[in-house]
């Protein structure tokens, strides 16, 4: 069984084909400028509504009571 030698490219270390694509670079820069803008608000980091906190507390209390009763 013969092994093929590992061929190396002559490109810069860490470079990829996408890093040399002007459309990719332009889109990346556009997206970075959007999220770095001071007025940008990340919807994934919004505070949870009070109802969600209330449901969480109710679930924890209910789970604690069920576990306590089940233990007897």
PDB file of N, CA and C in Angstrom:
ATOM      1  N   UNK A   1       0.846  -1.167   0.000  1.00  0.00           N
ATOM      2  CA  UNK A   1       0.000   0.000   0.000  1.00  0.00           C
ATOM      3  C   UNK A   1       0.896   1.235   0.000  1.00  0.00           C
ATOM      4  N   UNK A   2       0.779   2.044  -1.007  1.00  0.00           N
ATOM      5  CA  UNK A   2       1.628   3.238  -1.083  1.00  0.00           C
ATOM      6  C   UNK A   2       0.862   4.454  -0.588  1.00  0.00           C
ATOM      7  N   UNK A   3       1.587   5.328   0.020  1.00  0.00           N
ATOM      8  CA  UNK A   3       0.982   6.561   0.527  1.00  0.00           C
ATOM      9  C   UNK A   3       1.353   7.712  -0.381  1.00  0.00           C
ATOM     10  N   UNK A   4       0.371   8.550  -0.620  1.00  0.00           N
ATOM     11  CA  UNK A   4       0.615   9.752  -1.408  1.00  0.00           C
ATOM     12  C   UNK A   4       1.269  10.788  -0.497  1.00  0.00           C
ATOM     13  N   UNK A   5       2.292  11.473  -0.951  1.00  0.00           N
ATOM     14  CA  UNK A   5       2.883  12.523  -0.119  1.00  0.00           C
ATOM     15  C   UNK A   5       1.895  13.681   0.047  1.00  0.00           C
ATOM     16  N   UNK A   6       1.931  14.287   1.216  1.00  0.00           N
ATOM     17  CA  UNK A   6       1.051  15.421   1.493  1.00  0.00           C
ATOM     18  C   UNK A   6       1.553  16.634   0.718  1.00  0.00           C
ATOM     19  N   UNK A   7       0.703  17.152  -0.141  1.00  0.00           N
ATOM     20  CA  UNK A   7       1.107  18.315  -0.927  1.00  0.00           C
ATOM     21  C   UNK A   7       0.736  19.586  -0.194  1.00  0.00           C
ATOM     22  N   UNK A   8       1.600  20.535  -0.233  1.00  0.00           N
ATOM     23  CA  UNK A   8       1.370  21.810   0.422  1.00  0.00           C
ATOM     24  C   UNK A   8       1.205  22.881  -0.641  1.00  0.00           C
ATOM     25  N   UNK A   9       0.387  23.858  -0.316  1.00  0.00           N
ATOM     26  CA  UNK A   9       0.209  24.955  -1.257  1.00  0.00           C
ATOM     27  C   UNK A   9       1.224  26.040  -0.958  1.00  0.00           C
ATOM     28  N   UNK A  10       1.393  26.925  -1.896  1.00  0.00           N
ATOM     29  CA  UNK A  10       2.369  28.002  -1.716  1.00  0.00           C
ATOM     30  C   UNK A  10       1.701  29.286  -1.239  1.00  0.00           C
ATOM     31  N   UNK A  11       0.407  29.205  -0.870  1.00  0.00           N
ATOM     32  CA  UNK A  11      -0.287  30.401  -0.393  1.00  0.00           C
ATOM     33  C   UNK A  11       0.210  30.790   1.000  1.00  0.00           C
ATOM     34  N   UNK A  12      -0.225  31.946   1.422  1.00  0.00           N
ATOM     35  CA  UNK A  12       0.145  32.416   2.746  1.00  0.00           C
ATOM     36  C   UNK A  12      -0.469  31.513   3.802  1.00  0.00           C
ATOM     37  N   UNK A  13       0.199  31.336   4.943  1.00  0.00           N
ATOM     38  CA  UNK A  13      -0.381  30.513   6.003  1.00  0.00           C
ATOM     39  C   UNK A  13      -1.693  31.127   6.493  1.00  0.00           C
ATOM     40  N   UNK A  14      -2.699  30.280   6.673  1.00  0.00           N
ATOM     41  CA  UNK A  14      -3.982  30.741   7.166  1.00  0.00           C
ATOM     42  C   UNK A  14      -4.892  31.311   6.107  1.00  0.00           C
ATOM     43  N   UNK A  15      -4.434  31.429   4.892  1.00  0.00           N
ATOM     44  CA  UNK A  15      -5.289  31.998   3.855  1.00  0.00           C
ATOM     45  C   UNK A  15      -6.179  30.908   3.287  1.00  0.00           C
ATOM     46  N   UNK A  16      -7.342  31.321   2.845  1.00  0.00           N
ATOM     47  CA  UNK A  16      -8.271  30.395   2.217  1.00  0.00           C
ATOM     48  C   UNK A  16      -8.697  30.986   0.884  1.00  0.00           C
ATOM     49  N   UNK A  17      -9.389  30.190   0.112  1.00  0.00           N
ATOM     50  CA  UNK A  17      -9.873  30.695  -1.169  1.00  0.00           C
ATOM     51  C   UNK A  17     -10.863  31.827  -0.934  1.00  0.00           C
ATOM     52  N   UNK A  18     -11.649  31.742   0.163  1.00  0.00           N
ATOM     53  CA  UNK A  18     -12.645  32.777   0.451  1.00  0.00           C
ATOM     54  C   UNK A  18     -11.990  34.106   0.815  1.00  0.00           C
ATOM     55  N   UNK A  19     -10.795  34.068   1.389  1.00  0.00           N
ATOM     56  CA  UNK A  19     -10.146  35.315   1.787  1.00  0.00           C
ATOM     57  C   UNK A  19      -9.661  36.118   0.588  1.00  0.00           C
ATOM     58  N   UNK A  20      -9.594  35.499  -0.578  1.00  0.00           N
ATOM     59  CA  UNK A  20      -9.161  36.193  -1.787  1.00  0.00           C
ATOM     60  C   UNK A  20     -10.336  36.551  -2.698  1.00  0.00           C
ATOM     61  N   UNK A  21     -11.550  36.277  -2.251  1.00  0.00           N
ATOM     62  CA  UNK A  21     -12.746  36.556  -3.034  1.00  0.00           C
ATOM     63  C   UNK A  21     -13.224  37.969  -2.699  1.00  0.00           C
ATOM     64  N   UNK A  22     -13.208  38.893  -3.643  1.00  0.00           N
ATOM     65  CA  UNK A  22     -13.599  40.274  -3.346  1.00  0.00           C
ATOM     66  C   UNK A  22     -15.054  40.419  -2.909  1.00  0.00           C
ATOM     67  N   UNK A  23     -15.953  39.607  -3.465  1.00  0.00           N
ATOM     68  CA  UNK A  23     -17.355  39.687  -3.043  1.00  0.00           C
ATOM     69  C   UNK A  23     -17.513  39.234  -1.598  1.00  0.00           C
ATOM     70  N   UNK A  24     -16.808  38.168  -1.229  1.00  0.00           N
ATOM     71  CA  UNK A  24     -16.858  37.678   0.143  1.00  0.00           C
ATOM     72  C   UNK A  24     -16.300  38.731   1.095  1.00  0.00           C
ATOM     73  N   UNK A  25     -15.178  39.321   0.753  1.00  0.00           N
ATOM     74  CA  UNK A  25     -14.565  40.338   1.606  1.00  0.00           C
ATOM     75  C   UNK A  25     -15.471  41.552   1.759  1.00  0.00           C
ATOM     76  N   UNK A  26     -16.130  41.956   0.676  1.00  0.00           N
ATOM     77  CA  UNK A  26     -17.033  43.106   0.744  1.00  0.00           C
ATOM     78  C   UNK A  26     -18.231  42.813   1.642  1.00  0.00           C
ATOM     79  N   UNK A  27     -18.798  41.623   1.515  1.00  0.00           N
ATOM     80  CA  UNK A  27     -19.943  41.253   2.352  1.00  0.00           C
ATOM     81  C   UNK A  27     -19.528  41.143   3.820  1.00  0.00           C
ATOM     82  N   UNK A  28     -18.367  40.595   4.070  1.00  0.00           N
ATOM     83  CA  UNK A  28     -17.865  40.498   5.438  1.00  0.00           C
ATOM     84  C   UNK A  28     -17.681  41.881   6.047  1.00  0.00           C
ATOM     85  N   UNK A  29     -17.087  42.789   5.304  1.00  0.00           N
ATOM     86  CA  UNK A  29     -16.896  44.154   5.797  1.00  0.00           C
ATOM     87  C   UNK A  29     -18.236  44.845   6.054  1.00  0.00           C
ATOM     88  N   UNK A  30     -19.215  44.618   5.160  1.00  0.00           N
ATOM     89  CA  UNK A  30     -20.534  45.217   5.342  1.00  0.00           C
ATOM     90  C   UNK A  30     -21.175  44.715   6.633  1.00  0.00           C
ATOM     91  N   UNK A  31     -21.112  43.412   6.858  1.00  0.00           N
ATOM     92  CA  UNK A  31     -21.728  42.830   8.067  1.00  0.00           C
ATOM     93  C   UNK A  31     -21.007  43.292   9.329  1.00  0.00           C
ATOM     94  N   UNK A  32     -19.689  43.364   9.276  1.00  0.00           N
ATOM     95  CA  UNK A  32     -18.936  43.826  10.443  1.00  0.00           C
ATOM     96  C   UNK A  32     -19.259  45.278  10.761  1.00  0.00           C
ATOM     97  N   UNK A  33     -19.405  46.107   9.732  1.00  0.00           N
ATOM     98  CA  UNK A  33     -19.721  47.518   9.986  1.00  0.00           C
ATOM     99  C   UNK A  33     -21.116  47.667  10.573  1.00  0.00           C
ATOM    100  N   UNK A  34     -22.045  46.787  10.191  1.00  0.00           N
ATOM    101  CA  UNK A  34     -23.398  46.843  10.753  1.00  0.00           C
ATOM    102  C   UNK A  34     -23.376  46.511  12.240  1.00  0.00           C
ATOM    103  N   UNK A  35     -22.700  45.427  12.626  1.00  0.00           N
ATOM    104  CA  UNK A  35     -22.734  45.019  14.032  1.00  0.00           C
ATOM    105  C   UNK A  35     -21.820  45.867  14.915  1.00  0.00           C
ATOM    106  N   UNK A  36     -20.881  46.594  14.311  1.00  0.00           N
ATOM    107  CA  UNK A  36     -20.006  47.452  15.107  1.00  0.00           C
ATOM    108  C   UNK A  36     -20.553  48.858  15.263  1.00  0.00           C
ATOM    109  N   UNK A  37     -21.637  49.171  14.589  1.00  0.00           N
ATOM    110  CA  UNK A  37     -22.228  50.510  14.687  1.00  0.00           C
ATOM    111  C   UNK A  37     -22.759  50.737  16.102  1.00  0.00           C
ATOM    112  N   UNK A  38     -22.553  51.930  16.661  1.00  0.00           N
ATOM    113  CA  UNK A  38     -23.013  52.197  18.025  1.00  0.00           C
ATOM    114  C   UNK A  38     -24.523  52.055  18.186  1.00  0.00           C
ATOM    115  N   UNK A  39     -25.272  52.237  17.133  1.00  0.00           N
ATOM    116  CA  UNK A  39     -26.732  52.160  17.230  1.00  0.00           C
ATOM    117  C   UNK A  39     -27.266  50.739  17.074  1.00  0.00           C
ATOM    118  N   UNK A  40     -26.393  49.760  16.850  1.00  0.00           N
ATOM    119  CA  UNK A  40     -26.832  48.387  16.624  1.00  0.00           C
ATOM    120  C   UNK A  40     -27.293  47.752  17.928  1.00  0.00           C
ATOM    121  N   UNK A  41     -28.481  47.161  17.898  1.00  0.00           N
ATOM    122  CA  UNK A  41     -29.000  46.429  19.049  1.00  0.00           C
ATOM    123  C   UNK A  41     -29.196  44.986  18.629  1.00  0.00           C
ATOM    124  N   UNK A  42     -28.542  44.090  19.319  1.00  0.00           N
ATOM    125  CA  UNK A  42     -28.607  42.668  19.000  1.00  0.00           C
ATOM    126  C   UNK A  42     -29.904  42.097  19.552  1.00  0.00           C
ATOM    127  N   UNK A  43     -30.790  41.611  18.683  1.00  0.00           N
ATOM    128  CA  UNK A  43     -32.063  41.084  19.176  1.00  0.00           C
ATOM    129  C   UNK A  43     -31.887  39.836  20.050  1.00  0.00           C
ATOM    130  N   UNK A  44     -30.783  39.144  19.908  1.00  0.00           N
ATOM    131  CA  UNK A  44     -30.552  37.953  20.721  1.00  0.00           C
ATOM    132  C   UNK A  44     -30.186  38.316  22.156  1.00  0.00           C
ATOM    133  N   UNK A  45     -29.857  39.565  22.416  1.00  0.00           N
ATOM    134  CA  UNK A  45     -29.446  39.978  23.758  1.00  0.00           C
ATOM    135  C   UNK A  45     -30.493  40.837  24.461  1.00  0.00           C
ATOM    136  N   UNK A  46     -31.718  40.815  23.960  1.00  0.00           N
ATOM    137  CA  UNK A  46     -32.777  41.573  24.607  1.00  0.00           C
ATOM    138  C   UNK A  46     -33.132  40.920  25.939  1.00  0.00           C
ATOM    139  N   UNK A  47     -33.640  41.716  26.859  1.00  0.00           N
ATOM    140  CA  UNK A  47     -34.061  41.190  28.146  1.00  0.00           C
ATOM    141  C   UNK A  47     -35.295  40.322  27.981  1.00  0.00           C
ATOM    142  N   UNK A  48     -35.390  39.317  28.823  1.00  0.00           N
ATOM    143  CA  UNK A  48     -36.574  38.463  28.790  1.00  0.00           C
ATOM    144  C   UNK A  48     -37.763  39.206  29.373  1.00  0.00           C
ATOM    145  N   UNK A  49     -38.947  38.956  28.853  1.00  0.00           N
ATOM    146  CA  UNK A  49     -40.139  39.582  29.429  1.00  0.00           C
ATOM    147  C   UNK A  49     -40.399  39.039  30.831  1.00  0.00           C
ATOM    148  N   UNK A  50     -41.135  39.813  31.615  1.00  0.00           N
ATOM    149  CA  UNK A  50     -41.432  39.427  33.003  1.00  0.00           C
ATOM    150  C   UNK A  50     -42.188  38.104  33.055  1.00  0.00           C
ATOM    151  N   UNK A  51     -43.034  37.840  32.080  1.00  0.00           N
ATOM    152  CA  UNK A  51     -43.782  36.583  32.049  1.00  0.00           C
ATOM    153  C   UNK A  51     -42.843  35.384  31.979  1.00  0.00           C
ATOM    154  N   UNK A  52     -41.767  35.495  31.216  1.00  0.00           N
ATOM    155  CA  UNK A  52     -40.800  34.400  31.131  1.00  0.00           C
ATOM    156  C   UNK A  52     -40.145  34.136  32.478  1.00  0.00           C
ATOM    157  N   UNK A  53     -39.793  35.189  33.207  1.00  0.00           N
ATOM    158  CA  UNK A  53     -39.208  35.020  34.537  1.00  0.00           C
ATOM    159  C   UNK A  53     -40.215  34.388  35.495  1.00  0.00           C
ATOM    160  N   UNK A  54     -41.468  34.825  35.411  1.00  0.00           N
ATOM    161  CA  UNK A  54     -42.511  34.274  36.266  1.00  0.00           C
ATOM    162  C   UNK A  54     -42.715  32.785  35.972  1.00  0.00           C
ATOM    163  N   UNK A  55     -42.740  32.404  34.712  1.00  0.00           N
ATOM    164  CA  UNK A  55     -42.881  30.997  34.352  1.00  0.00           C
ATOM    165  C   UNK A  55     -41.679  30.174  34.807  1.00  0.00           C
ATOM    166  N   UNK A  56     -40.504  30.742  34.742  1.00  0.00           N
ATOM    167  CA  UNK A  56     -39.304  30.048  35.207  1.00  0.00           C
ATOM    168  C   UNK A  56     -39.379  29.787  36.704  1.00  0.00           C
ATOM    169  N   UNK A  57     -39.767  30.804  37.462  1.00  0.00           N
ATOM    170  CA  UNK A  57     -39.884  30.648  38.916  1.00  0.00           C
ATOM    171  C   UNK A  57     -40.950  29.599  39.242  1.00  0.00           C
ATOM    172  N   UNK A  58     -42.082  29.643  38.549  1.00  0.00           N
ATOM    173  CA  UNK A  58     -43.149  28.665  38.783  1.00  0.00           C
ATOM    174  C   UNK A  58     -42.662  27.249  38.477  1.00  0.00           C
ATOM    175  N   UNK A  59     -41.915  27.081  37.415  1.00  0.00           N
ATOM    176  CA  UNK A  59     -41.395  25.769  37.058  1.00  0.00           C
ATOM    177  C   UNK A  59     -40.420  25.254  38.112  1.00  0.00           C
ATOM    178  N   UNK A  60     -39.548  26.110  38.598  1.00  0.00           N
ATOM    179  CA  UNK A  60     -38.586  25.704  39.624  1.00  0.00           C
ATOM    180  C   UNK A  60     -39.315  25.313  40.908  1.00  0.00           C
ATOM    181  N   UNK A  61     -40.299  26.107  41.306  1.00  0.00           N
ATOM    182  CA  UNK A  61     -41.057  25.803  42.528  1.00  0.00           C
ATOM    183  C   UNK A  61     -41.814  24.492  42.364  1.00  0.00           C
ATOM    184  N   UNK A  62     -42.482  24.323  41.240  1.00  0.00           N
ATOM    185  CA  UNK A  62     -43.236  23.103  40.990  1.00  0.00           C
ATOM    186  C   UNK A  62     -42.324  21.884  40.971  1.00  0.00           C
ATOM    187  N   UNK A  63     -41.187  21.989  40.317  1.00  0.00           N
ATOM    188  CA  UNK A  63     -40.238  20.878  40.259  1.00  0.00           C
ATOM    189  C   UNK A  63     -39.717  20.543  41.655  1.00  0.00           C
ATOM    190  N   UNK A  64     -39.445  21.552  42.462  1.00  0.00           N
ATOM    191  CA  UNK A  64     -38.963  21.334  43.828  1.00  0.00           C
ATOM    192  C   UNK A  64     -40.024  20.621  44.667  1.00  0.00           C
ATOM    193  N   UNK A  65     -41.270  21.053  44.537  1.00  0.00           N
ATOM    194  CA  UNK A  65     -42.348  20.424  45.312  1.00  0.00           C
ATOM    195  C   UNK A  65     -42.540  18.973  44.875  1.00  0.00           C
ATOM    196  N   UNK A  66     -42.552  18.725  43.573  1.00  0.00           N
ATOM    197  CA  UNK A  66     -42.716  17.351  43.081  1.00  0.00           C
ATOM    198  C   UNK A  66     -41.562  16.475  43.552  1.00  0.00           C
ATOM    199  N   UNK A  67     -40.352  16.960  43.497  1.00  0.00           N
ATOM    200  CA  UNK A  67     -39.197  16.183  43.933  1.00  0.00           C
ATOM    201  C   UNK A  67     -39.256  15.924  45.437  1.00  0.00           C
ATOM    202  N   UNK A  68     -39.724  16.894  46.208  1.00  0.00           N
ATOM    203  CA  UNK A  68     -39.834  16.736  47.668  1.00  0.00           C
ATOM    204  C   UNK A  68     -40.905  15.704  48.013  1.00  0.00           C
ATOM    205  N   UNK A  69     -42.066  15.781  47.348  1.00  0.00           N
ATOM    206  CA  UNK A  69     -43.145  14.836  47.621  1.00  0.00           C
ATOM    207  C   UNK A  69     -42.759  13.439  47.163  1.00  0.00           C
ATOM    208  N   UNK A  70     -42.085  13.335  46.039  1.00  0.00           N
ATOM    209  CA  UNK A  70     -41.674  12.045  45.510  1.00  0.00           C
ATOM    210  C   UNK A  70     -40.660  11.380  46.430  1.00  0.00           C
ATOM    211  N   UNK A  71     -39.891  12.163  47.133  1.00  0.00           N
ATOM    212  CA  UNK A  71     -38.870  11.634  48.033  1.00  0.00           C
ATOM    213  C   UNK A  71     -39.441  10.975  49.280  1.00  0.00           C
ATOM    214  N   UNK A  72     -40.684  11.259  49.620  1.00  0.00           N
ATOM    215  CA  UNK A  72     -41.297  10.649  50.802  1.00  0.00           C
ATOM    216  C   UNK A  72     -41.742   9.277  50.523  1.00  0.00           C
TER     217      UNK A  72
END
